[in-house]
Protein backbone atom coordinates (compact mmCIF):
# COMPACT_ATOMS: atom_id res chain seq x y z
CA MET A 1 12.26 5.86 -28.02
CA PRO A 2 9.20 8.05 -27.04
CA PHE A 3 5.91 5.86 -26.65
CA GLN A 4 5.04 5.00 -29.78
CA SER A 5 1.58 3.74 -29.99
CA ARG A 6 -1.68 4.04 -27.92
CA ASN A 7 -1.76 0.55 -27.11
CA VAL A 8 1.32 0.66 -25.71
CA SER A 9 0.33 3.65 -23.63
CA MET A 10 -2.80 2.30 -22.60
CA LYS A 11 -1.02 -1.03 -21.45
CA LYS A 12 0.88 0.63 -19.01
CA LEU A 13 -1.82 2.83 -17.89
CA ARG A 14 -3.76 -0.15 -16.83
CA GLU A 15 -0.96 -1.24 -14.57
CA ILE A 16 -1.33 2.19 -13.10
CA GLU A 17 -5.20 2.00 -12.91
CA ARG A 18 -4.45 -1.45 -10.97
CA LEU A 19 -2.13 0.09 -8.49
CA ARG A 20 -4.93 2.74 -7.87
CA GLY A 21 -7.37 -0.09 -7.08
CA VAL A 22 -5.00 -1.67 -4.40
CA ALA A 23 -4.60 2.05 -3.05
CA ILE A 24 -8.30 2.23 -2.69
CA VAL A 25 -8.82 -1.21 -1.03
CA LEU A 26 -5.85 -0.63 1.49
CA ALA A 27 -7.54 2.71 2.50
CA VAL A 28 -11.11 1.79 2.68
CA PHE A 29 -10.56 -1.11 4.64
CA ASN A 30 -9.01 1.07 7.34
CA HIS A 31 -12.74 2.55 7.71
CA PRO A 32 -15.95 1.33 9.22
CA PRO A 33 -17.26 -1.51 9.23
CA LEU A 34 -14.57 -2.95 7.29
CA HIS A 35 -11.84 -1.94 9.82
CA ASP A 36 -13.14 -4.91 12.13
CA PHE A 37 -11.56 -7.32 9.62
CA THR A 38 -8.05 -5.53 9.97
CA PRO A 39 -7.51 -4.35 13.21
CA GLY A 40 -4.37 -2.40 13.69
CA PHE A 41 -4.34 -1.45 9.94
CA SER A 42 -3.27 1.83 8.74
CA GLY A 43 -5.04 3.24 5.83
CA VAL A 44 -2.14 5.59 5.31
CA VAL A 45 -0.61 2.77 3.38
CA GLY A 46 -2.98 3.11 0.49
CA VAL A 47 -2.97 6.96 0.90
CA HIS A 48 1.10 6.76 0.37
CA LEU A 49 0.66 4.80 -2.54
CA PHE A 50 -2.00 7.00 -3.80
CA PHE A 51 0.70 9.84 -3.63
CA VAL A 52 3.41 8.02 -5.45
CA ILE A 53 0.72 7.56 -8.12
CA SER A 54 -0.23 10.78 -8.33
CA GLY A 55 3.63 11.94 -8.24
CA PHE A 56 4.09 9.95 -11.04
CA VAL A 57 0.99 10.53 -13.19
CA ILE A 58 1.29 14.25 -12.53
CA ALA A 59 4.64 14.66 -13.50
CA ARG A 60 4.27 12.69 -16.70
CA SER A 61 1.40 15.62 -17.86
CA LEU A 62 3.33 18.14 -16.86
CA LEU A 63 6.40 16.85 -19.09
CA LYS A 64 3.98 16.64 -21.71
CA LEU A 65 3.07 20.56 -21.11
CA LEU A 66 6.51 21.96 -19.87
CA PRO A 67 9.03 19.82 -21.65
CA ALA A 68 12.53 20.10 -20.13
CA ARG A 69 14.31 21.24 -23.37
CA GLY A 70 12.33 23.71 -25.50
CA PRO A 71 9.05 23.05 -27.16
CA SER A 72 8.24 19.44 -27.36
CA PRO A 73 6.49 17.48 -30.30
CA GLN A 74 3.19 17.30 -28.68
CA SER A 75 3.00 20.91 -27.84
CA PRO A 76 5.72 22.64 -29.94
CA GLN A 77 3.92 26.24 -29.76
CA SER A 78 2.70 26.04 -26.29
CA SER A 79 3.81 29.00 -24.06
CA PRO A 80 4.38 28.14 -20.25
CA MET A 81 1.39 30.19 -19.29
CA THR A 82 -0.75 27.98 -21.84
CA ALA A 83 0.49 24.86 -20.12
CA LEU A 84 -0.22 26.05 -16.59
CA LYS A 85 -3.76 27.06 -18.22
CA THR A 86 -4.24 23.59 -19.52
CA PHE A 87 -2.88 21.63 -16.46
CA PHE A 88 -5.04 23.45 -14.25
CA VAL A 89 -8.11 23.18 -16.00
CA ARG A 90 -8.01 19.78 -16.52
CA ARG A 91 -7.40 19.23 -12.99
CA PHE A 92 -10.14 21.42 -12.00
CA PHE A 93 -12.75 19.28 -13.86
CA ARG A 94 -10.99 16.30 -13.17
CA ILE A 95 -11.13 17.01 -8.85
CA VAL A 96 -13.46 19.47 -8.09
CA PRO A 97 -17.15 18.41 -9.58
CA LEU A 98 -17.23 15.30 -7.63
CA ALA A 99 -15.60 16.71 -4.51
CA LEU A 100 -18.47 19.43 -4.96
CA PHE A 101 -20.87 16.65 -4.74
CA SER A 102 -19.58 14.68 -2.09
CA THR A 103 -19.68 17.61 0.42
CA ALA A 104 -23.27 18.87 -1.05
CA LEU A 105 -24.42 15.47 -0.07
CA VAL A 106 -22.97 15.67 3.22
CA LEU A 107 -24.30 18.88 4.00
CA ALA A 108 -27.68 18.02 2.81
CA ALA A 109 -27.47 14.83 4.94
CA SER A 110 -26.73 16.74 8.01
CA ALA A 111 -29.29 19.29 7.69
CA PHE A 112 -32.18 17.08 6.52
CA PHE A 113 -31.47 13.28 7.33
CA ASN A 114 -30.05 13.52 10.85
CA SER A 115 -31.96 12.38 13.54
CA SER A 116 -29.75 10.22 15.10
CA LYS A 117 -27.01 12.92 15.22
CA VAL A 118 -24.56 11.01 13.12
CA TRP A 119 -23.69 13.95 11.27
CA SER A 120 -22.27 17.33 12.37
CA PRO A 121 -24.57 20.50 12.38
CA PRO A 122 -24.92 22.27 9.32
CA ALA A 123 -22.71 25.16 10.17
CA MET A 124 -19.87 22.97 11.22
CA VAL A 125 -20.05 21.08 7.95
CA LEU A 126 -20.37 24.20 6.05
CA GLN A 127 -17.21 25.57 7.94
CA GLU A 128 -15.41 22.23 6.99
CA ILE A 129 -16.70 22.88 3.26
CA GLY A 130 -15.00 26.37 3.44
CA LEU A 131 -11.80 25.07 4.50
CA ILE A 132 -11.58 21.96 2.16
CA PHE A 133 -12.18 24.51 -0.96
CA THR A 134 -9.67 26.73 0.30
CA LEU A 135 -6.85 24.19 0.93
CA LEU A 136 -6.65 24.41 4.68
CA TYR A 137 -8.70 21.39 5.80
CA ASN A 138 -5.87 19.02 6.63
CA TYR A 139 -4.55 21.57 8.95
CA GLN A 140 -7.89 22.36 10.83
CA MET A 141 -9.63 19.15 10.43
CA LEU A 142 -9.01 18.06 14.03
CA ASN A 143 -11.37 21.08 15.27
CA PHE A 144 -14.20 19.45 13.35
CA GLY A 145 -16.43 16.51 13.40
CA PRO A 146 -15.39 13.40 11.16
CA ASP A 147 -17.99 14.03 8.49
CA LEU A 148 -15.26 15.12 5.86
CA LEU A 149 -12.31 13.77 7.18
CA PHE A 150 -11.23 11.90 3.83
CA PHE A 151 -10.62 15.28 2.01
CA TRP A 152 -7.24 15.77 4.09
CA SER A 153 -5.65 13.73 1.58
CA LEU A 154 -6.87 15.61 -1.22
CA ASN A 155 -5.92 19.01 0.14
CA VAL A 156 -2.22 17.50 0.54
CA GLU A 157 -2.53 16.49 -3.25
CA GLU A 158 -4.06 20.09 -4.31
CA HIS A 159 -0.82 21.76 -2.48
CA PHE A 160 1.17 19.33 -4.69
CA TYR A 161 -0.59 20.59 -7.91
CA LEU A 162 0.16 24.10 -7.37
CA ALA A 163 3.91 23.54 -6.25
CA LEU A 164 5.25 20.84 -8.74
CA PRO A 165 4.36 23.15 -11.79
CA LEU A 166 6.41 26.17 -10.36
CA LEU A 167 9.39 23.63 -9.87
CA PHE A 168 9.00 22.52 -13.64
CA LEU A 169 9.08 26.32 -14.79
CA ALA A 170 12.06 26.83 -12.47
CA VAL A 171 13.93 23.90 -13.21
CA ARG A 172 13.93 23.29 -17.37
CA THR A 173 16.64 20.76 -17.68
CA PRO A 174 16.18 16.98 -17.22
CA ARG A 175 19.26 16.37 -15.07
CA ALA A 176 18.41 19.47 -12.88
CA ARG A 177 14.61 18.62 -12.53
CA ARG A 178 15.80 14.66 -11.62
CA TRP A 179 18.40 16.10 -8.82
CA ALA A 180 15.47 18.80 -7.61
CA ALA A 181 13.34 15.75 -7.19
CA ALA A 182 15.85 13.61 -5.55
CA ALA A 183 16.68 16.14 -3.27
CA VAL A 184 13.46 16.81 -2.25
CA VAL A 185 12.70 13.30 -1.24
CA GLY A 186 16.18 13.21 0.24
CA LEU A 187 15.51 16.42 2.51
CA THR A 188 12.27 15.49 3.52
CA ALA A 189 12.78 11.98 4.62
CA LEU A 190 16.28 12.45 6.12
CA VAL A 191 16.11 15.67 7.56
CA LEU A 192 12.54 17.36 7.84
CA ARG A 193 10.83 14.16 9.17
CA PRO A 194 13.06 13.35 12.05
CA TRP A 195 13.55 17.09 12.85
CA THR A 196 9.73 17.98 12.83
CA ALA A 197 7.92 14.93 13.90
CA PRO A 198 6.14 15.48 17.43
CA LYS A 199 7.07 13.04 20.30
CA ALA A 200 4.54 10.25 20.78
CA SER A 201 3.61 11.39 23.86
CA ASP A 202 1.62 14.38 22.30
CA ALA A 203 -1.24 12.83 20.64
CA LEU A 204 -2.58 15.88 19.23
CA LEU A 205 0.42 17.01 17.85
CA VAL A 206 0.99 13.46 16.01
CA TRP A 207 -2.23 13.73 14.72
CA LYS A 208 -2.02 17.49 13.50
CA TYR A 209 1.52 16.09 11.68
CA HIS A 210 0.01 13.29 10.37
CA PHE A 211 -2.41 15.34 8.61
CA SER A 212 0.04 17.78 7.29
CA THR A 213 1.37 18.34 3.89
CA LEU A 214 5.19 18.30 4.92
CA PRO A 215 5.38 14.73 5.81
CA ARG A 216 3.49 13.32 2.65
CA ILE A 217 6.01 15.49 0.19
CA ASP A 218 8.43 12.90 -0.17
CA THR A 219 6.01 10.13 -1.17
CA LEU A 220 4.53 12.42 -3.98
CA MET A 221 8.06 13.68 -4.97
CA ALA A 222 9.08 9.97 -5.04
CA GLY A 223 6.72 9.14 -8.04
CA VAL A 224 7.92 12.38 -9.77
CA LEU A 225 11.27 11.23 -9.57
CA VAL A 226 10.29 7.52 -10.89
CA ALA A 227 8.28 9.73 -14.06
CA LEU A 228 11.66 11.55 -14.33
CA ILE A 229 13.71 8.56 -14.50
CA VAL A 230 11.20 7.00 -17.22
CA ASP A 231 11.02 9.84 -19.16
CA ALA A 232 14.85 10.18 -19.54
CA ARG A 233 15.08 6.34 -20.60
CA LEU A 234 18.20 6.27 -17.95
CA VAL A 235 17.14 2.82 -17.33
CA ALA A 236 16.46 0.87 -20.70
CA ARG A 237 13.24 -0.81 -21.07
CA PRO A 238 14.03 -4.42 -20.47
CA ARG A 239 13.15 -7.10 -22.90
CA ALA A 240 10.41 -9.23 -22.04
CA THR A 241 12.67 -12.63 -20.70
CA PHE A 242 11.35 -15.36 -18.69
CA ALA A 243 14.01 -14.14 -15.74
CA LEU A 244 12.13 -10.54 -15.66
CA LYS A 245 8.46 -12.09 -15.81
CA PHE A 246 8.97 -14.29 -12.98
CA GLY A 247 11.77 -12.00 -11.00
CA GLY A 248 9.30 -8.55 -11.60
CA LYS A 249 6.17 -10.27 -10.89
CA GLY A 250 8.09 -11.76 -7.77
CA ALA A 251 9.21 -8.20 -6.80
CA ALA A 252 5.59 -6.76 -7.26
CA LEU A 253 4.25 -9.18 -4.87
CA ALA A 254 6.91 -9.05 -2.39
CA ALA A 255 6.02 -4.80 -2.51
CA LEU A 256 2.36 -5.76 -2.19
CA ALA A 257 2.91 -7.91 0.80
CA THR A 258 5.00 -5.32 2.42
CA LEU A 259 2.38 -2.76 2.14
CA LEU A 260 -0.32 -5.55 3.64
CA LEU A 261 1.89 -6.67 6.66
CA VAL A 262 4.18 -3.58 7.74
CA HIS A 263 1.60 -2.40 10.18
CA ARG A 264 2.38 -6.06 12.24
CA PHE A 265 5.99 -4.89 12.55
CA PHE A 266 5.83 -1.27 12.70
CA THR A 267 4.20 1.99 13.16
CA VAL A 268 3.63 3.21 9.73
CA ASP A 269 4.29 6.89 10.52
CA GLU A 270 7.57 6.04 12.23
CA GLN A 271 10.66 6.34 9.99
CA THR A 272 11.20 2.45 9.47
CA GLY A 273 7.53 1.67 8.88
CA TRP A 274 7.27 4.74 6.32
CA THR A 275 10.52 3.71 4.57
CA LEU A 276 9.24 0.70 3.96
CA VAL A 277 5.99 1.74 2.57
CA LEU A 278 7.38 4.44 0.60
CA ALA A 279 9.94 1.48 -0.88
CA ALA A 280 7.23 -0.97 -1.81
CA SER A 281 5.17 2.04 -3.12
CA VAL A 282 8.10 3.08 -5.44
CA VAL A 283 8.87 -0.33 -6.66
CA LEU A 284 5.36 -1.20 -7.85
CA VAL A 285 4.95 2.18 -9.50
CA ALA A 286 8.52 1.43 -11.26
CA LEU A 287 7.25 -2.01 -12.19
CA ALA A 288 4.17 -0.43 -13.55
CA SER A 289 5.81 1.83 -15.73
CA LEU A 290 7.81 -0.84 -17.70
CA ARG A 291 4.65 -1.85 -19.11
CA ARG A 292 5.41 -5.71 -19.13
CA GLY A 293 2.28 -6.99 -17.24
CA LEU A 294 4.31 -7.38 -13.90
CA VAL A 295 1.84 -5.90 -11.65
CA LEU A 296 -1.32 -7.99 -10.73
CA GLY A 297 -1.38 -9.40 -14.13
CA THR A 298 -3.45 -12.15 -13.80
CA PRO A 299 -6.67 -11.44 -16.18
CA VAL A 300 -9.22 -11.55 -13.56
CA VAL A 301 -7.38 -9.98 -10.90
CA ALA A 302 -6.40 -7.19 -13.16
CA GLN A 303 -9.90 -6.82 -14.66
CA VAL A 304 -11.22 -6.61 -10.73
CA PHE A 305 -8.38 -3.87 -9.69
CA GLU A 306 -8.23 -2.15 -13.00
CA TYR A 307 -12.47 -1.65 -12.42
CA LEU A 308 -11.71 -0.57 -8.76
CA GLY A 309 -8.73 1.59 -9.74
CA SER A 310 -11.05 3.54 -12.59
CA ARG A 311 -13.39 4.40 -10.03
CA SER A 312 -11.35 5.01 -6.79
CA TYR A 313 -11.74 8.72 -6.52
CA ALA A 314 -15.67 8.35 -6.61
CA ILE A 315 -15.14 5.36 -4.16
CA TYR A 316 -13.03 7.29 -1.77
CA LEU A 317 -15.22 10.28 -1.81
CA LEU A 318 -18.74 7.95 -1.30
CA HIS A 319 -17.72 5.16 0.72
CA LEU A 320 -18.07 7.27 4.08
CA PRO A 321 -21.07 9.10 3.43
CA VAL A 322 -22.62 5.97 2.60
CA TRP A 323 -21.58 4.26 5.78
CA LYS A 324 -23.17 7.32 7.54
CA LEU A 325 -26.48 7.12 5.47
CA TYR A 326 -26.73 3.62 6.51
CA LEU A 327 -26.36 4.56 10.38
CA GLU A 328 -28.98 7.22 10.01
CA LEU A 329 -31.70 5.11 8.47
CA GLN A 330 -30.91 2.04 11.05
CA SER A 331 -31.35 4.68 13.67
CA ARG A 332 -34.41 5.19 12.40
CA HIS A 333 -35.74 1.73 11.38
CA PRO A 334 -34.26 -0.65 13.78
CA ASN A 335 -35.57 -3.53 12.14
CA LEU A 336 -34.64 -2.59 8.57
CA ALA A 337 -31.79 -4.92 8.62
CA THR A 338 -30.54 -7.92 10.92
CA TYR A 339 -27.20 -9.48 9.99
CA SER A 340 -26.43 -12.91 10.51
CA SER A 341 -22.72 -11.86 10.41
CA PRO A 342 -20.50 -8.88 10.14
CA PHE A 343 -19.25 -10.42 6.66
CA GLU A 344 -23.17 -9.89 5.52
CA LEU A 345 -22.96 -6.11 6.40
CA ALA A 346 -19.42 -5.81 4.99
CA ALA A 347 -20.60 -7.45 1.71
CA TYR A 348 -24.00 -4.78 1.47
CA PHE A 349 -21.85 -1.77 2.57
CA ILE A 350 -19.14 -2.87 -0.30
CA LEU A 351 -22.07 -3.22 -2.76
CA ALA A 352 -23.70 0.04 -1.80
CA SER A 353 -20.35 1.87 -2.12
CA LEU A 354 -19.70 0.33 -5.33
CA GLY A 355 -22.98 1.51 -6.83
CA ALA A 356 -22.72 5.11 -5.39
CA ALA A 357 -19.31 5.31 -6.88
CA GLU A 358 -20.32 3.71 -10.19
CA LEU A 359 -23.09 6.62 -10.33
CA GLY A 360 -20.71 9.33 -9.32
CA HIS A 361 -18.28 7.93 -12.01
CA ARG A 362 -20.64 7.95 -14.94
CA TRP A 363 -23.17 10.92 -14.13
CA ILE A 364 -20.34 13.30 -12.67
CA GLU A 365 -17.03 12.21 -13.05
CA LEU A 366 -16.70 11.14 -16.48
CA PRO A 367 -18.75 14.03 -17.83
CA MET A 368 -17.05 16.62 -16.53
CA ILE A 369 -13.30 15.14 -17.43
CA ARG A 370 -14.70 15.37 -20.82
CA VAL A 371 -15.83 18.98 -20.39
CA GLY A 372 -12.27 19.67 -18.87
CA LYS A 373 -10.56 18.04 -21.90
CA LYS A 374 -12.49 19.97 -24.42
CA LEU A 375 -11.75 23.28 -22.58
CA ALA A 376 -8.16 22.43 -22.25
CA THR A 377 -7.83 21.42 -25.79
CA GLY A 378 -9.37 24.85 -26.81
CA LEU A 379 -6.31 26.59 -24.98
CA GLN A 380 -3.83 24.46 -27.14
CA PRO A 381 -2.25 25.90 -30.40
CA ALA A 382 -3.40 24.25 -33.61
CA PRO A 383 -0.38 21.27 -33.70
CA ALA A 384 -0.99 20.41 -30.00
CA LEU A 385 -4.75 19.49 -30.65
CA GLN A 386 -3.44 15.88 -30.99
CA ALA A 387 -4.67 13.97 -27.95
CA SER A 388 -1.95 12.21 -25.67
CA PRO A 389 -2.88 8.78 -24.10
CA LEU A 390 -1.10 9.78 -20.86
CA ARG A 391 -3.54 12.52 -20.46
CA GLU A 392 -5.97 9.81 -19.52
CA ALA A 393 -3.71 8.72 -16.60
CA ALA A 394 -4.35 12.21 -14.74
């Protein structure tokens, strides 16, 4: 049966939100000053999880707008062009305003708050911004400073946002879409990755490959494949049995443990390590899609990760500028802060990052999302005006 109620959908979305919270923690702990607590850990583990989540969520959104067989109940009169306009309007207002704020903050700091030279010169930052908003940054970022390096993954996702709607337009039957998604995952994972990955001896090429879009497509499309399977109801939603409760929670914990510990045994971008990260991420998203509270379902833990997940985009875009602002302040006022331990510094950094993210989320992200929804609703024909809970996931 299709999703019948808002409560059911929102329960499922809360579990996806928790996974976003996990992903942002994994990503942030790879950056200063928190990386001192996780030596050897690769933040790309969190980015991989983000990509699988994005593939799942964006595919579900497109399935509402570009149904596989004829018009959908949600948008019976929506044309493909209207659907694409709706999709891109939502994406624009979901992503661009906060990204503009983050880049403007870095540019202003590099011009007016840079006596320590912790930021690159303004001209270089401007070049970076130009590459970011022309979707080329992840291929050119190694030629610049580290001021905006966290935008590489956003460029990868934006390439995906452009490509997936075209696939959904070209392939219109459910089975063909599933086969297409599976083919992309298999082709990328088993053929393109092994054949195109540079040798480890060439560090520059390894890093360029690391940030490029090609080796990330399989994670995004794996999320799409999960969404297509869920949408087709090929796997029946299991009853909430005792075995599912403990078996599912055990599988979720095992997948989380894999993400946390894989770096101790494998290099994440090597085939074995990447396969484990991908498999664990797919398991987590698939379990979250069951809507059974299997992923971090303990009340307090769930609330913490739902909070982090709801602000994960703002945290991602603002935590490194917050750190560099601190470094500049410290250079100007050496006695401003003397920390008795790295834990104290980490605590202050976390609080400052969460505070900045909260302001960005409330003052920029949420208002702009509402603007995007309003504009997108205006593009829809009259029967499509009913809001879908799944839109909140995007």
